[in-house]
Amino acid sequence: MVAPTRGRVQPSTPGGASGRAAPARGHGFGLIGLTERVRALGGTITAGPGVAGGWVLDTALPLRPAVAR
């Protein structure tokens, strides 16, 4: 038996995406900050317009902590 090593999260929004970012309203770092955190955990992340419209954020994270090398 092979145990899974990655978990996947894929939230999406319905409707048509323009492909343009909405004006920033907060003080966070949005996708840049999220990308940095996901990569620091050894994961992968992509974001963009969905095939059927809307917006898709696809994130895969290791289920076990990465070993420092």
N, C-alpha and C. Protein backbone atom coordinates (compact mmCIF):
# COMPACT_ATOMS: atom_id res chain seq x y z
N MET A 1 0.84 -1.18 0.00
CA MET A 1 0.00 0.00 0.00
C MET A 1 0.89 1.25 0.00
N VAL A 2 0.55 2.20 -0.83
CA VAL A 2 1.28 3.46 -0.91
C VAL A 2 0.46 4.54 -0.25
N ALA A 3 1.05 5.22 0.73
CA ALA A 3 0.35 6.30 1.43
C ALA A 3 0.45 7.58 0.62
N PRO A 4 -0.61 8.38 0.57
CA PRO A 4 -0.53 9.66 -0.15
C PRO A 4 0.50 10.58 0.50
N THR A 5 1.16 11.36 -0.32
CA THR A 5 2.19 12.26 0.20
C THR A 5 1.83 13.72 0.01
N ARG A 6 0.79 14.02 -0.77
CA ARG A 6 0.41 15.41 -1.01
C ARG A 6 -1.10 15.56 -0.84
N GLY A 7 -1.50 16.71 -0.32
CA GLY A 7 -2.90 17.08 -0.24
C GLY A 7 -3.15 18.21 -1.22
N ARG A 8 -4.35 18.29 -1.74
CA ARG A 8 -4.64 19.30 -2.76
C ARG A 8 -5.86 20.12 -2.37
N VAL A 9 -5.76 21.44 -2.57
CA VAL A 9 -6.87 22.36 -2.32
C VAL A 9 -7.08 23.14 -3.61
N GLN A 10 -8.32 23.20 -4.09
CA GLN A 10 -8.58 23.88 -5.36
C GLN A 10 -9.87 24.71 -5.26
N PRO A 11 -9.83 25.85 -4.56
CA PRO A 11 -11.02 26.72 -4.53
C PRO A 11 -11.18 27.43 -5.87
N SER A 12 -12.42 27.76 -6.21
CA SER A 12 -12.68 28.49 -7.46
C SER A 12 -13.89 29.39 -7.27
N THR A 13 -14.00 30.36 -8.18
CA THR A 13 -15.16 31.25 -8.17
C THR A 13 -15.92 31.06 -9.47
N PRO A 14 -17.24 31.20 -9.44
CA PRO A 14 -18.02 31.08 -10.67
C PRO A 14 -17.95 32.38 -11.47
N GLY A 15 -18.45 32.32 -12.68
CA GLY A 15 -18.57 33.53 -13.49
C GLY A 15 -17.37 33.78 -14.36
N GLY A 16 -17.45 34.87 -15.07
CA GLY A 16 -16.40 35.22 -16.01
C GLY A 16 -15.28 35.98 -15.34
N ALA A 17 -14.06 35.56 -15.59
CA ALA A 17 -12.89 36.28 -15.06
C ALA A 17 -12.32 37.13 -16.17
N SER A 18 -11.96 38.34 -15.83
CA SER A 18 -11.41 39.24 -16.84
C SER A 18 -9.92 39.01 -17.05
N GLY A 19 -9.27 38.27 -16.10
CA GLY A 19 -7.84 38.08 -16.20
C GLY A 19 -7.06 39.24 -15.62
N ARG A 20 -7.78 40.25 -15.13
CA ARG A 20 -7.12 41.41 -14.50
C ARG A 20 -7.32 41.35 -13.00
N ALA A 21 -6.33 41.81 -12.27
CA ALA A 21 -6.43 41.84 -10.81
C ALA A 21 -7.35 42.96 -10.37
N ALA A 22 -8.08 42.70 -9.30
CA ALA A 22 -8.92 43.74 -8.70
C ALA A 22 -8.02 44.69 -7.93
N PRO A 23 -8.44 45.92 -7.77
CA PRO A 23 -7.64 46.87 -6.99
C PRO A 23 -7.40 46.34 -5.57
N ALA A 24 -6.19 46.52 -5.07
CA ALA A 24 -5.86 46.07 -3.72
C ALA A 24 -6.58 46.92 -2.70
N ARG A 25 -7.15 46.28 -1.68
CA ARG A 25 -7.86 47.01 -0.64
C ARG A 25 -7.23 46.79 0.73
N GLY A 26 -6.38 45.78 0.85
CA GLY A 26 -5.83 45.46 2.17
C GLY A 26 -4.36 45.82 2.25
N HIS A 27 -3.76 45.29 3.29
CA HIS A 27 -2.34 45.55 3.50
C HIS A 27 -1.53 44.27 3.35
N GLY A 28 -2.15 43.22 2.84
CA GLY A 28 -1.46 41.94 2.67
C GLY A 28 -0.70 41.88 1.37
N PHE A 29 -0.20 40.71 1.09
CA PHE A 29 0.60 40.51 -0.12
C PHE A 29 -0.08 39.59 -1.11
N GLY A 30 -1.34 39.27 -0.88
CA GLY A 30 -2.14 38.51 -1.84
C GLY A 30 -1.49 37.24 -2.33
N LEU A 31 -1.53 37.03 -3.64
CA LEU A 31 -0.99 35.81 -4.24
C LEU A 31 0.51 35.69 -4.07
N ILE A 32 1.21 36.82 -4.01
CA ILE A 32 2.66 36.76 -3.81
C ILE A 32 2.97 36.15 -2.44
N GLY A 33 2.32 36.64 -1.40
CA GLY A 33 2.53 36.10 -0.06
C GLY A 33 2.09 34.66 0.06
N LEU A 34 0.96 34.33 -0.54
CA LEU A 34 0.46 32.96 -0.51
C LEU A 34 1.43 32.03 -1.22
N THR A 35 1.95 32.46 -2.37
CA THR A 35 2.92 31.65 -3.11
C THR A 35 4.18 31.41 -2.28
N GLU A 36 4.68 32.44 -1.61
CA GLU A 36 5.87 32.29 -0.77
C GLU A 36 5.64 31.28 0.34
N ARG A 37 4.47 31.33 0.97
CA ARG A 37 4.18 30.41 2.07
C ARG A 37 4.03 28.97 1.58
N VAL A 38 3.34 28.79 0.47
CA VAL A 38 3.15 27.44 -0.07
C VAL A 38 4.49 26.84 -0.46
N ARG A 39 5.34 27.60 -1.14
CA ARG A 39 6.66 27.10 -1.55
C ARG A 39 7.55 26.81 -0.34
N ALA A 40 7.43 27.62 0.72
CA ALA A 40 8.22 27.39 1.93
C ALA A 40 7.87 26.04 2.57
N LEU A 41 6.65 25.58 2.35
CA LEU A 41 6.20 24.29 2.88
C LEU A 41 6.49 23.14 1.90
N GLY A 42 7.10 23.45 0.76
CA GLY A 42 7.41 22.42 -0.23
C GLY A 42 6.27 22.13 -1.18
N GLY A 43 5.31 23.05 -1.29
CA GLY A 43 4.16 22.85 -2.14
C GLY A 43 4.25 23.59 -3.46
N THR A 44 3.18 23.46 -4.24
CA THR A 44 3.07 24.15 -5.52
C THR A 44 1.74 24.91 -5.54
N ILE A 45 1.70 25.98 -6.34
CA ILE A 45 0.49 26.79 -6.43
C ILE A 45 0.40 27.41 -7.82
N THR A 46 -0.79 27.42 -8.38
CA THR A 46 -1.06 28.14 -9.63
C THR A 46 -2.39 28.87 -9.44
N ALA A 47 -2.54 29.97 -10.13
CA ALA A 47 -3.78 30.73 -10.06
C ALA A 47 -4.05 31.33 -11.43
N GLY A 48 -5.32 31.36 -11.83
CA GLY A 48 -5.66 31.97 -13.10
C GLY A 48 -7.09 31.70 -13.47
N PRO A 49 -7.49 32.19 -14.64
CA PRO A 49 -8.86 31.98 -15.11
C PRO A 49 -9.16 30.49 -15.27
N GLY A 50 -10.36 30.09 -14.87
CA GLY A 50 -10.79 28.70 -15.03
C GLY A 50 -11.22 28.43 -16.46
N VAL A 51 -11.23 27.17 -16.83
CA VAL A 51 -11.62 26.76 -18.19
C VAL A 51 -13.05 27.20 -18.51
N ALA A 52 -13.95 27.09 -17.53
CA ALA A 52 -15.35 27.45 -17.75
C ALA A 52 -15.67 28.84 -17.21
N GLY A 53 -14.65 29.68 -17.05
CA GLY A 53 -14.85 31.00 -16.48
C GLY A 53 -14.50 31.01 -15.01
N GLY A 54 -14.65 32.13 -14.39
CA GLY A 54 -14.31 32.23 -12.97
C GLY A 54 -12.80 32.23 -12.77
N TRP A 55 -12.39 31.93 -11.56
CA TRP A 55 -10.98 31.98 -11.19
C TRP A 55 -10.66 30.73 -10.38
N VAL A 56 -9.50 30.12 -10.62
CA VAL A 56 -9.12 28.89 -9.93
C VAL A 56 -7.77 29.08 -9.25
N LEU A 57 -7.69 28.67 -8.01
CA LEU A 57 -6.45 28.63 -7.25
C LEU A 57 -6.17 27.16 -6.97
N ASP A 58 -5.09 26.62 -7.48
CA ASP A 58 -4.77 25.20 -7.34
C ASP A 58 -3.51 25.08 -6.49
N THR A 59 -3.65 24.48 -5.31
CA THR A 59 -2.54 24.37 -4.37
C THR A 59 -2.35 22.92 -3.96
N ALA A 60 -1.12 22.44 -4.00
CA ALA A 60 -0.78 21.10 -3.52
C ALA A 60 0.29 21.25 -2.44
N LEU A 61 0.04 20.63 -1.28
CA LEU A 61 0.97 20.72 -0.16
C LEU A 61 1.38 19.32 0.28
N PRO A 62 2.63 19.15 0.74
CA PRO A 62 3.03 17.86 1.27
C PRO A 62 2.24 17.55 2.54
N LEU A 63 1.88 16.29 2.73
CA LEU A 63 1.16 15.90 3.93
C LEU A 63 2.09 15.72 5.12
N ARG A 64 3.37 15.59 4.85
CA ARG A 64 4.37 15.50 5.90
C ARG A 64 5.30 16.69 5.77
N PRO A 65 5.82 17.20 6.88
CA PRO A 65 6.75 18.33 6.80
C PRO A 65 7.97 18.00 5.96
N ALA A 66 8.44 18.98 5.20
CA ALA A 66 9.65 18.79 4.40
C ALA A 66 10.85 18.66 5.33
N VAL A 67 11.78 17.82 4.95
CA VAL A 67 13.00 17.61 5.74
C VAL A 67 14.05 18.61 5.27
N ALA A 68 14.61 19.38 6.21
CA ALA A 68 15.65 20.35 5.85
C ALA A 68 16.88 19.62 5.36
N ARG A 69 17.46 20.14 4.27
CA ARG A 69 18.66 19.51 3.70
C ARG A 69 19.81 20.44 3.76
